[in-house]
Amino acid sequence: MSTTTITAADINKLRQATGAGMMDCRKALTESNGDFDAAIDWLRKQGQKVAAKRQDREAKEGVVIAKTTQGGASGFVLCVACETDFVAKNAEFVAFAQSLIDLAIAKDLKTLDELNAAPYEGITVVEKINEQVGKIGEKIGITRFERIDAAAVAAYIHGANRMGVLVGLSKGGDAALEAGRDLAMQIAAMNPVAVDESSVPAEAIEREKAIVLEQIKQDPKMAGKPDEMLEKIAAGKLNNFFKESTLMAQAFVKDNSKSVADYLKSVDPALKVTSFVRVALG
């Protein structure tokens, strides 16, 4: 096994991301040679319930801004990170982040590279950020920039610019956009991994299946059971994963008696979610 050095900072990072105990985090990192995501999987395979934040570890402090174009056919969300909460709450810093998303909308930008290279007050955005670093006195940068194009896009900002959500819809109109905002709040609260089962990446399914099978094999009651039985049990647990982790199958947070799919049908049977993105401070 590799002799990768596991530091106290590594252990604390894993504890913050999962909620697992210090000794368990040390063991997980040791067993995975310091690989953070592999350590999370190791903890789960041991049967621990961890609160892994998936893609929400990009920034410690900063602001997240989400906004749509005037016609609502495109939505933009970005995260401008900084080192301290003091800067994140500074009105000038928030206004700077707002100006960046306004620039992205005005220039119809599609990628983070395009945004970084865009002109801003006679210099590029990257150069302006470096100027702000000198002015503010701490490291800042754009850590996420996402865009959704659809028939209509709903945008939602949660928790004083700590999270932003975009939801792409198959059709527009007031009712559709109101539903889109409801679903954006659902996504903010429940953090689904995909719209529905069919849109979960194959590698994510295989990863979850491997974790589930390992959990089953460690159950003393399953000792000596045939592989066919273990596969069936794993399939059932995977169905629970899809129900809890895909948007359409989740219980609707405003009315737990129905699923999100049922709620959407009640608004308009033809209305679909084409895509979504959720960006949060870690």
C-alpha atoms as a PDB file:
ATOM      1  CA  MET A   1       0.000   0.000   0.000  1.00  0.00           C
ATOM      2  CA  SER A   2       1.157   3.554  -0.728  1.00  0.00           C
ATOM      3  CA  THR A   3       2.639   5.550   2.146  1.00  0.00           C
ATOM      4  CA  THR A   4       0.641   8.671   1.272  1.00  0.00           C
ATOM      5  CA  THR A   5       0.784  11.116   4.191  1.00  0.00           C
ATOM      6  CA  ILE A   6      -2.659  11.862   5.639  1.00  0.00           C
ATOM      7  CA  THR A   7      -2.723  15.275   7.281  1.00  0.00           C
ATOM      8  CA  ALA A   8      -5.041  16.688   9.901  1.00  0.00           C
ATOM      9  CA  ALA A   9      -6.338  19.097   7.232  1.00  0.00           C
ATOM     10  CA  ASP A  10      -7.230  16.136   4.974  1.00  0.00           C
ATOM     11  CA  ILE A  11      -9.126  14.465   7.812  1.00  0.00           C
ATOM     12  CA  ASN A  12     -10.966  17.660   8.712  1.00  0.00           C
ATOM     13  CA  LYS A  13     -11.952  18.228   5.070  1.00  0.00           C
ATOM     14  CA  LEU A  14     -13.458  14.731   4.887  1.00  0.00           C
ATOM     15  CA  ARG A  15     -15.232  15.233   8.218  1.00  0.00           C
ATOM     16  CA  GLN A  16     -16.726  18.518   7.006  1.00  0.00           C
ATOM     17  CA  ALA A  17     -17.928  16.895   3.780  1.00  0.00           C
ATOM     18  CA  THR A  18     -19.351  13.694   5.278  1.00  0.00           C
ATOM     19  CA  GLY A  19     -20.073  14.151   8.973  1.00  0.00           C
ATOM     20  CA  ALA A  20     -18.138  10.940   9.742  1.00  0.00           C
ATOM     21  CA  GLY A  21     -15.931  10.612  12.845  1.00  0.00           C
ATOM     22  CA  MET A  22     -12.264  11.580  12.932  1.00  0.00           C
ATOM     23  CA  MET A  23     -10.897   8.045  13.236  1.00  0.00           C
ATOM     24  CA  ASP A  24     -13.213   6.767  10.507  1.00  0.00           C
ATOM     25  CA  CYS A  25     -12.091   9.592   8.218  1.00  0.00           C
ATOM     26  CA  ARG A  26      -8.435   8.796   8.918  1.00  0.00           C
ATOM     27  CA  LYS A  27      -9.034   5.119   8.130  1.00  0.00           C
ATOM     28  CA  ALA A  28     -10.971   5.958   4.953  1.00  0.00           C
ATOM     29  CA  LEU A  29      -8.211   8.237   3.647  1.00  0.00           C
ATOM     30  CA  THR A  30      -5.541   5.698   4.521  1.00  0.00           C
ATOM     31  CA  GLU A  31      -7.380   2.883   2.739  1.00  0.00           C
ATOM     32  CA  SER A  32      -7.888   5.072  -0.354  1.00  0.00           C
ATOM     33  CA  ASN A  33      -4.338   6.479  -0.480  1.00  0.00           C
ATOM     34  CA  GLY A  34      -5.640   9.973   0.195  1.00  0.00           C
ATOM     35  CA  ASP A  35      -8.168   9.992  -2.672  1.00  0.00           C
ATOM     36  CA  PHE A  36     -11.036  12.140  -1.344  1.00  0.00           C
ATOM     37  CA  ASP A  37     -13.894  10.705  -3.445  1.00  0.00           C
ATOM     38  CA  ALA A  38     -12.648   7.143  -2.949  1.00  0.00           C
ATOM     39  CA  ALA A  39     -12.593   7.809   0.803  1.00  0.00           C
ATOM     40  CA  ILE A  40     -16.253   8.853   0.677  1.00  0.00           C
ATOM     41  CA  ASP A  41     -17.081   5.616  -1.152  1.00  0.00           C
ATOM     42  CA  TRP A  42     -15.081   3.627   1.431  1.00  0.00           C
ATOM     43  CA  LEU A  43     -17.101   5.157   4.268  1.00  0.00           C
ATOM     44  CA  ARG A  44     -20.361   4.333   2.520  1.00  0.00           C
ATOM     45  CA  LYS A  45     -19.243   0.758   1.833  1.00  0.00           C
ATOM     46  CA  GLN A  46     -18.696   0.363   5.577  1.00  0.00           C
ATOM     47  CA  GLY A  47     -22.370   1.188   6.014  1.00  0.00           C
ATOM     48  CA  GLN A  48     -21.875   4.700   7.307  1.00  0.00           C
ATOM     49  CA  LYS A  49     -24.431   7.358   6.453  1.00  0.00           C
ATOM     50  CA  VAL A  50     -22.375  10.222   5.135  1.00  0.00           C
ATOM     51  CA  ALA A  51     -23.565  13.661   4.081  1.00  0.00           C
ATOM     52  CA  ALA A  52     -21.316  13.946   1.018  1.00  0.00           C
ATOM     53  CA  LYS A  53     -21.912  17.242  -0.726  1.00  0.00           C
ATOM     54  CA  ARG A  54     -21.011  15.939  -4.204  1.00  0.00           C
ATOM     55  CA  GLN A  55     -20.216  18.961  -6.374  1.00  0.00           C
ATOM     56  CA  ASP A  56     -20.797  21.614  -3.703  1.00  0.00           C
ATOM     57  CA  ARG A  57     -17.158  21.790  -2.548  1.00  0.00           C
ATOM     58  CA  GLU A  58     -15.945  24.297  -5.155  1.00  0.00           C
ATOM     59  CA  ALA A  59     -15.838  27.367  -2.919  1.00  0.00           C
ATOM     60  CA  LYS A  60     -15.644  28.048   0.786  1.00  0.00           C
ATOM     61  CA  GLU A  61     -16.890  31.639   0.762  1.00  0.00           C
ATOM     62  CA  GLY A  62     -18.210  33.977  -1.920  1.00  0.00           C
ATOM     63  CA  VAL A  63     -21.474  34.658  -3.715  1.00  0.00           C
ATOM     64  CA  VAL A  64     -23.607  32.743  -6.197  1.00  0.00           C
ATOM     65  CA  ILE A  65     -25.685  34.694  -8.707  1.00  0.00           C
ATOM     66  CA  ALA A  66     -28.401  33.193 -10.941  1.00  0.00           C
ATOM     67  CA  LYS A  67     -30.223  35.193 -13.598  1.00  0.00           C
ATOM     68  CA  THR A  68     -32.156  34.715 -16.842  1.00  0.00           C
ATOM     69  CA  THR A  69     -32.281  36.744 -20.034  1.00  0.00           C
ATOM     70  CA  GLN A  70     -35.191  39.113 -20.509  1.00  0.00           C
ATOM     71  CA  GLY A  71     -37.041  36.627 -22.710  1.00  0.00           C
ATOM     72  CA  GLY A  72     -36.313  33.797 -20.290  1.00  0.00           C
ATOM     73  CA  ALA A  73     -34.867  31.444 -22.910  1.00  0.00           C
ATOM     74  CA  SER A  74     -31.408  31.356 -21.318  1.00  0.00           C
ATOM     75  CA  GLY A  75     -30.265  31.181 -17.727  1.00  0.00           C
ATOM     76  CA  PHE A  76     -26.846  31.852 -16.212  1.00  0.00           C
ATOM     77  CA  VAL A  77     -25.384  31.012 -12.818  1.00  0.00           C
ATOM     78  CA  LEU A  78     -21.909  31.770 -11.515  1.00  0.00           C
ATOM     79  CA  CYS A  79     -19.969  31.516  -8.290  1.00  0.00           C
ATOM     80  CA  VAL A  80     -17.367  34.139  -7.423  1.00  0.00           C
ATOM     81  CA  ALA A  81     -15.290  32.751  -4.567  1.00  0.00           C
ATOM     82  CA  CYS A  82     -13.316  34.567  -1.919  1.00  0.00           C
ATOM     83  CA  GLU A  83     -11.510  33.633   1.272  1.00  0.00           C
ATOM     84  CA  THR A  84     -13.667  35.211   3.977  1.00  0.00           C
ATOM     85  CA  ASP A  85     -17.285  35.765   4.854  1.00  0.00           C
ATOM     86  CA  PHE A  86     -16.436  39.414   5.508  1.00  0.00           C
ATOM     87  CA  VAL A  87     -15.621  39.964   1.824  1.00  0.00           C
ATOM     88  CA  ALA A  88     -18.523  37.792   0.628  1.00  0.00           C
ATOM     89  CA  LYS A  89     -20.975  40.114   2.393  1.00  0.00           C
ATOM     90  CA  ASN A  90     -19.330  43.295   1.115  1.00  0.00           C
ATOM     91  CA  ALA A  91     -21.742  45.233  -1.105  1.00  0.00           C
ATOM     92  CA  GLU A  92     -19.045  46.079  -3.656  1.00  0.00           C
ATOM     93  CA  PHE A  93     -18.026  42.425  -3.978  1.00  0.00           C
ATOM     94  CA  VAL A  94     -21.649  41.346  -4.518  1.00  0.00           C
ATOM     95  CA  ALA A  95     -22.115  44.143  -7.063  1.00  0.00           C
ATOM     96  CA  PHE A  96     -18.980  42.958  -8.895  1.00  0.00           C
ATOM     97  CA  ALA A  97     -20.399  39.432  -9.114  1.00  0.00           C
ATOM     98  CA  GLN A  98     -23.677  40.871 -10.394  1.00  0.00           C
ATOM     99  CA  SER A  99     -21.813  42.829 -13.051  1.00  0.00           C
ATOM    100  CA  LEU A 100     -20.091  39.654 -14.250  1.00  0.00           C
ATOM    101  CA  ILE A 101     -23.351  37.811 -14.826  1.00  0.00           C
ATOM    102  CA  ASP A 102     -24.802  40.882 -16.535  1.00  0.00           C
ATOM    103  CA  LEU A 103     -21.755  40.875 -18.816  1.00  0.00           C
ATOM    104  CA  ALA A 104     -22.277  37.182 -19.597  1.00  0.00           C
ATOM    105  CA  ILE A 105     -25.883  37.877 -20.550  1.00  0.00           C
ATOM    106  CA  ALA A 106     -25.049  40.963 -22.625  1.00  0.00           C
ATOM    107  CA  LYS A 107     -22.279  39.163 -24.533  1.00  0.00           C
ATOM    108  CA  ASP A 108     -24.237  35.874 -24.825  1.00  0.00           C
ATOM    109  CA  LEU A 109     -21.292  33.976 -23.342  1.00  0.00           C
ATOM    110  CA  LYS A 110     -21.313  30.198 -23.155  1.00  0.00           C
ATOM    111  CA  THR A 111     -18.229  29.119 -21.200  1.00  0.00           C
ATOM    112  CA  LEU A 112     -16.070  30.192 -18.278  1.00  0.00           C
ATOM    113  CA  ASP A 113     -13.130  30.688 -20.647  1.00  0.00           C
ATOM    114  CA  GLU A 114     -15.225  33.115 -22.702  1.00  0.00           C
ATOM    115  CA  LEU A 115     -16.212  35.007 -19.576  1.00  0.00           C
ATOM    116  CA  ASN A 116     -12.647  35.244 -18.298  1.00  0.00           C
ATOM    117  CA  ALA A 117     -11.502  36.624 -21.662  1.00  0.00           C
ATOM    118  CA  ALA A 118     -14.407  39.077 -22.084  1.00  0.00           C
ATOM    119  CA  PRO A 119     -13.699  42.840 -22.040  1.00  0.00           C
ATOM    120  CA  TYR A 120     -14.430  44.624 -18.760  1.00  0.00           C
ATOM    121  CA  GLU A 121     -13.759  48.364 -18.397  1.00  0.00           C
ATOM    122  CA  GLY A 122     -10.920  48.306 -20.912  1.00  0.00           C
ATOM    123  CA  ILE A 123      -9.290  45.107 -19.648  1.00  0.00           C
ATOM    124  CA  THR A 124     -10.315  41.439 -19.537  1.00  0.00           C
ATOM    125  CA  VAL A 125     -12.382  39.895 -16.742  1.00  0.00           C
ATOM    126  CA  VAL A 126      -9.326  37.940 -15.567  1.00  0.00           C
ATOM    127  CA  GLU A 127      -7.317  41.142 -15.379  1.00  0.00           C
ATOM    128  CA  LYS A 128     -10.180  42.853 -13.534  1.00  0.00           C
ATOM    129  CA  ILE A 129     -10.275  39.998 -11.039  1.00  0.00           C
ATOM    130  CA  ASN A 130      -6.531  40.361 -10.462  1.00  0.00           C
ATOM    131  CA  GLU A 131      -7.111  44.069  -9.927  1.00  0.00           C
ATOM    132  CA  GLN A 132      -9.774  43.237  -7.354  1.00  0.00           C
ATOM    133  CA  VAL A 133      -7.385  40.843  -5.605  1.00  0.00           C
ATOM    134  CA  GLY A 134      -4.956  43.728  -5.107  1.00  0.00           C
ATOM    135  CA  LYS A 135      -7.761  46.010  -3.936  1.00  0.00           C
ATOM    136  CA  ILE A 136      -9.475  43.544  -1.574  1.00  0.00           C
ATOM    137  CA  GLY A 137      -6.348  41.832  -0.299  1.00  0.00           C
ATOM    138  CA  GLU A 138      -7.444  38.229  -0.643  1.00  0.00           C
ATOM    139  CA  LYS A 139      -7.730  35.631  -3.365  1.00  0.00           C
ATOM    140  CA  ILE A 140     -10.920  35.721  -5.444  1.00  0.00           C
ATOM    141  CA  GLY A 141     -11.964  33.998  -8.649  1.00  0.00           C
ATOM    142  CA  ILE A 142     -14.863  32.620 -10.692  1.00  0.00           C
ATOM    143  CA  THR A 143     -15.094  28.967  -9.684  1.00  0.00           C
ATOM    144  CA  ARG A 144     -18.280  28.030 -11.563  1.00  0.00           C
ATOM    145  CA  PHE A 145     -20.072  29.377 -14.613  1.00  0.00           C
ATOM    146  CA  GLU A 146     -23.022  27.462 -16.044  1.00  0.00           C
ATOM    147  CA  ARG A 147     -25.651  28.206 -18.668  1.00  0.00           C
ATOM    148  CA  ILE A 148     -28.946  26.564 -19.654  1.00  0.00           C
ATOM    149  CA  ASP A 149     -30.870  27.235 -22.862  1.00  0.00           C
ATOM    150  CA  ALA A 150     -34.472  26.029 -23.145  1.00  0.00           C
ATOM    151  CA  ALA A 151     -37.972  27.097 -24.132  1.00  0.00           C
ATOM    152  CA  ALA A 152     -38.013  28.768 -20.703  1.00  0.00           C
ATOM    153  CA  VAL A 153     -35.571  28.895 -17.791  1.00  0.00           C
ATOM    154  CA  ALA A 154     -36.428  29.559 -14.144  1.00  0.00           C
ATOM    155  CA  ALA A 155     -33.733  30.958 -11.820  1.00  0.00           C
ATOM    156  CA  TYR A 156     -33.615  30.865  -8.032  1.00  0.00           C
ATOM    157  CA  ILE A 157     -31.120  32.214  -5.494  1.00  0.00           C
ATOM    158  CA  HIS A 158     -31.184  30.705  -2.017  1.00  0.00           C
ATOM    159  CA  GLY A 159     -29.761  31.827   1.301  1.00  0.00           C
ATOM    160  CA  ALA A 160     -28.296  35.296   0.671  1.00  0.00           C
ATOM    161  CA  ASN A 161     -26.431  34.338  -2.510  1.00  0.00           C
ATOM    162  CA  ARG A 162     -25.063  31.067  -1.128  1.00  0.00           C
ATOM    163  CA  MET A 163     -26.756  28.889  -3.750  1.00  0.00           C
ATOM    164  CA  GLY A 164     -28.176  29.337  -7.230  1.00  0.00           C
ATOM    165  CA  VAL A 165     -30.364  27.015  -9.302  1.00  0.00           C
ATOM    166  CA  LEU A 166     -31.436  27.043 -12.949  1.00  0.00           C
ATOM    167  CA  VAL A 167     -34.227  24.862 -14.309  1.00  0.00           C
ATOM    168  CA  GLY A 168     -34.761  24.399 -18.048  1.00  0.00           C
ATOM    169  CA  LEU A 169     -38.381  23.833 -19.124  1.00  0.00           C
ATOM    170  CA  SER A 170     -39.913  22.450 -22.305  1.00  0.00           C
ATOM    171  CA  LYS A 171     -42.376  25.320 -22.623  1.00  0.00           C
ATOM    172  CA  GLY A 172     -42.910  28.833 -21.327  1.00  0.00           C
ATOM    173  CA  GLY A 173     -45.767  30.786 -19.808  1.00  0.00           C
ATOM    174  CA  ASP A 174     -46.546  32.059 -16.322  1.00  0.00           C
ATOM    175  CA  ALA A 175     -47.721  28.674 -14.989  1.00  0.00           C
ATOM    176  CA  ALA A 176     -44.634  26.896 -16.325  1.00  0.00           C
ATOM    177  CA  LEU A 177     -42.267  29.470 -14.839  1.00  0.00           C
ATOM    178  CA  GLU A 178     -44.015  29.345 -11.472  1.00  0.00           C
ATOM    179  CA  ALA A 179     -43.627  25.560 -11.514  1.00  0.00           C
ATOM    180  CA  GLY A 180     -39.999  26.020 -12.521  1.00  0.00           C
ATOM    181  CA  ARG A 181     -39.361  28.191  -9.481  1.00  0.00           C
ATOM    182  CA  ASP A 182     -41.002  25.570  -7.261  1.00  0.00           C
ATOM    183  CA  LEU A 183     -38.740  22.925  -8.768  1.00  0.00           C
ATOM    184  CA  ALA A 184     -35.698  25.165  -8.341  1.00  0.00           C
ATOM    185  CA  MET A 185     -36.473  25.358  -4.608  1.00  0.00           C
ATOM    186  CA  GLN A 186     -36.891  21.560  -4.610  1.00  0.00           C
ATOM    187  CA  ILE A 187     -33.463  21.160  -6.217  1.00  0.00           C
ATOM    188  CA  ALA A 188     -31.909  23.586  -3.737  1.00  0.00           C
ATOM    189  CA  ALA A 189     -33.310  21.616  -0.808  1.00  0.00           C
ATOM    190  CA  MET A 190     -32.956  18.018  -2.045  1.00  0.00           C
ATOM    191  CA  ASN A 191     -29.913  18.160  -4.366  1.00  0.00           C
ATOM    192  CA  PRO A 192     -30.973  15.519  -6.921  1.00  0.00           C
ATOM    193  CA  VAL A 193     -28.276  13.996  -9.132  1.00  0.00           C
ATOM    194  CA  ALA A 194     -30.346  13.988 -12.348  1.00  0.00           C
ATOM    195  CA  VAL A 195     -33.776  14.782 -13.789  1.00  0.00           C
ATOM    196  CA  ASP A 196     -34.893  11.131 -13.849  1.00  0.00           C
ATOM    197  CA  GLU A 197     -33.523   7.587 -13.818  1.00  0.00           C
ATOM    198  CA  SER A 198     -32.786   7.599 -17.552  1.00  0.00           C
ATOM    199  CA  SER A 199     -30.544  10.650 -17.210  1.00  0.00           C
ATOM    200  CA  VAL A 200     -28.351   9.316 -14.389  1.00  0.00           C
ATOM    201  CA  PRO A 201     -24.865   8.719 -15.866  1.00  0.00           C
ATOM    202  CA  ALA A 202     -24.000   5.039 -16.267  1.00  0.00           C
ATOM    203  CA  GLU A 203     -20.839   5.454 -14.200  1.00  0.00           C
ATOM    204  CA  ALA A 204     -22.865   6.918 -11.312  1.00  0.00           C
ATOM    205  CA  ILE A 205     -25.201   3.917 -11.387  1.00  0.00           C
ATOM    206  CA  GLU A 206     -22.276   1.463 -11.410  1.00  0.00           C
ATOM    207  CA  ARG A 207     -20.647   3.309  -8.534  1.00  0.00           C
ATOM    208  CA  GLU A 208     -23.841   3.230  -6.469  1.00  0.00           C
ATOM    209  CA  LYS A 209     -24.400  -0.456  -7.298  1.00  0.00           C
ATOM    210  CA  ALA A 210     -20.885  -1.341  -6.133  1.00  0.00           C
ATOM    211  CA  ILE A 211     -21.484   0.462  -2.844  1.00  0.00           C
ATOM    212  CA  VAL A 212     -24.849  -1.242  -2.332  1.00  0.00           C
ATOM    213  CA  LEU A 213     -23.440  -4.719  -3.087  1.00  0.00           C
ATOM    214  CA  GLU A 214     -20.583  -4.202  -0.651  1.00  0.00           C
ATOM    215  CA  GLN A 215     -23.026  -3.110   2.065  1.00  0.00           C
ATOM    216  CA  ILE A 216     -25.133  -6.220   1.450  1.00  0.00           C
ATOM    217  CA  LYS A 217     -22.128  -8.555   1.535  1.00  0.00           C
ATOM    218  CA  GLN A 218     -21.077  -7.140   4.905  1.00  0.00           C
ATOM    219  CA  ASP A 219     -24.469  -7.995   6.396  1.00  0.00           C
ATOM    220  CA  PRO A 220     -24.029 -11.261   8.403  1.00  0.00           C
ATOM    221  CA  LYS A 221     -27.564 -12.280   7.415  1.00  0.00           C
ATOM    222  CA  MET A 222     -26.473 -12.374   3.774  1.00  0.00           C
ATOM    223  CA  ALA A 223     -23.583 -14.792   4.336  1.00  0.00           C
ATOM    224  CA  GLY A 224     -23.773 -17.739   1.940  1.00  0.00           C
ATOM    225  CA  LYS A 225     -26.670 -16.315  -0.058  1.00  0.00           C
ATOM    226  CA  PRO A 226     -26.479 -16.898  -3.830  1.00  0.00           C
ATOM    227  CA  ASP A 227     -25.288 -14.067  -6.063  1.00  0.00           C
ATOM    228  CA  GLU A 228     -28.664 -13.966  -7.822  1.00  0.00           C
ATOM    229  CA  MET A 229     -30.366 -13.072  -4.542  1.00  0.00           C
ATOM    230  CA  LEU A 230     -27.777 -10.413  -3.752  1.00  0.00           C
ATOM    231  CA  GLU A 231     -28.296  -8.881  -7.196  1.00  0.00           C
ATOM    232  CA  LYS A 232     -32.062  -8.701  -6.638  1.00  0.00           C
ATOM    233  CA  ILE A 233     -31.606  -7.042  -3.254  1.00  0.00           C
ATOM    234  CA  ALA A 234     -29.148  -4.601  -4.799  1.00  0.00           C
ATOM    235  CA  ALA A 235     -31.647  -3.776  -7.552  1.00  0.00           C
ATOM    236  CA  GLY A 236     -34.239  -2.922  -4.913  1.00  0.00           C
ATOM    237  CA  LYS A 237     -31.809  -0.652  -3.097  1.00  0.00           C
ATOM    238  CA  LEU A 238     -30.910   1.001  -6.393  1.00  0.00           C
ATOM    239  CA  ASN A 239     -34.595   1.753  -6.952  1.00  0.00           C
ATOM    240  CA  ASN A 240     -34.576   3.525  -3.589  1.00  0.00           C
ATOM    241  CA  PHE A 241     -31.534   5.495  -4.736  1.00  0.00           C
ATOM    242  CA  PHE A 242     -33.378   6.619  -7.878  1.00  0.00           C
ATOM    243  CA  LYS A 243     -36.424   7.591  -5.816  1.00  0.00           C
ATOM    244  CA  GLU A 244     -34.382   9.677  -3.399  1.00  0.00           C
ATOM    245  CA  SER A 245     -31.827  11.094  -5.824  1.00  0.00           C
ATOM    246  CA  THR A 246     -33.629  11.863  -9.095  1.00  0.00           C
ATOM    247  CA  LEU A 247     -35.801  14.953  -9.348  1.00  0.00           C
ATOM    248  CA  MET A 248     -38.943  13.461 -10.910  1.00  0.00           C
ATOM    249  CA  ALA A 249     -39.124  10.604  -8.389  1.00  0.00           C
ATOM    250  CA  GLN A 250     -38.541  12.687  -5.266  1.00  0.00           C
ATOM    251  CA  ALA A 251     -41.396  13.595  -2.961  1.00  0.00           C
ATOM    252  CA  PHE A 252     -42.463  17.170  -3.724  1.00  0.00           C
ATOM    253  CA  VAL A 253     -41.275  19.323  -0.807  1.00  0.00           C
ATOM    254  CA  LYS A 254     -44.410  21.489  -0.833  1.00  0.00           C
ATOM    255  CA  ASP A 255     -46.703  18.435  -0.760  1.00  0.00           C
ATOM    256  CA  ASN A 256     -45.127  15.135   0.272  1.00  0.00           C
ATOM    257  CA  SER A 257     -48.234  13.225  -0.791  1.00  0.00           C
ATOM    258  CA  LYS A 258     -47.150  13.517  -4.428  1.00  0.00           C
ATOM    259  CA  SER A 259     -43.945  13.120  -6.405  1.00  0.00           C
ATOM    260  CA  VAL A 260     -42.364  15.936  -8.368  1.00  0.00           C
ATOM    261  CA  ALA A 261     -43.503  14.187 -11.555  1.00  0.00           C
ATOM    262  CA  ASP A 262     -47.098  14.171 -10.279  1.00  0.00           C
ATOM    263  CA  TYR A 263     -46.854  17.843  -9.372  1.00  0.00           C
ATOM    264  CA  LEU A 264     -45.563  18.733 -12.824  1.00  0.00           C
ATOM    265  CA  LYS A 265     -48.410  16.793 -14.481  1.00  0.00           C
ATOM    266  CA  SER A 266     -50.923  18.694 -12.361  1.00  0.00           C
ATOM    267  CA  VAL A 267     -49.546  21.959 -13.737  1.00  0.00           C
ATOM    268  CA  ASP A 268     -49.377  20.835 -17.373  1.00  0.00           C
ATOM    269  CA  PRO A 269     -49.146  17.218 -18.617  1.00  0.00           C
ATOM    270  CA  ALA A 270     -46.931  18.395 -21.490  1.00  0.00           C
ATOM    271  CA  LEU A 271     -44.480  20.324 -19.286  1.00  0.00           C
ATOM    272  CA  LYS A 272     -41.058  18.709 -18.877  1.00  0.00           C
ATOM    273  CA  VAL A 273     -37.790  19.581 -17.170  1.00  0.00           C
ATOM    274  CA  THR A 274     -35.104  19.527 -19.842  1.00  0.00           C
ATOM    275  CA  SER A 275     -32.150  20.090 -17.500  1.00  0.00           C
ATOM    276  CA  PHE A 276     -31.088  21.787 -14.291  1.00  0.00           C
ATOM    277  CA  VAL A 277     -27.948  23.013 -12.583  1.00  0.00           C
ATOM    278  CA  ARG A 278     -27.313  23.685  -8.899  1.00  0.00           C
ATOM    279  CA  VAL A 279     -24.315  25.720  -7.731  1.00  0.00           C
ATOM    280  CA  ALA A 280     -23.622  26.138  -4.027  1.00  0.00           C
ATOM    281  CA  LEU A 281     -20.894  27.411  -1.764  1.00  0.00           C
ATOM    282  CA  GLY A 282     -19.189  24.584   0.092  1.00  0.00           C
END
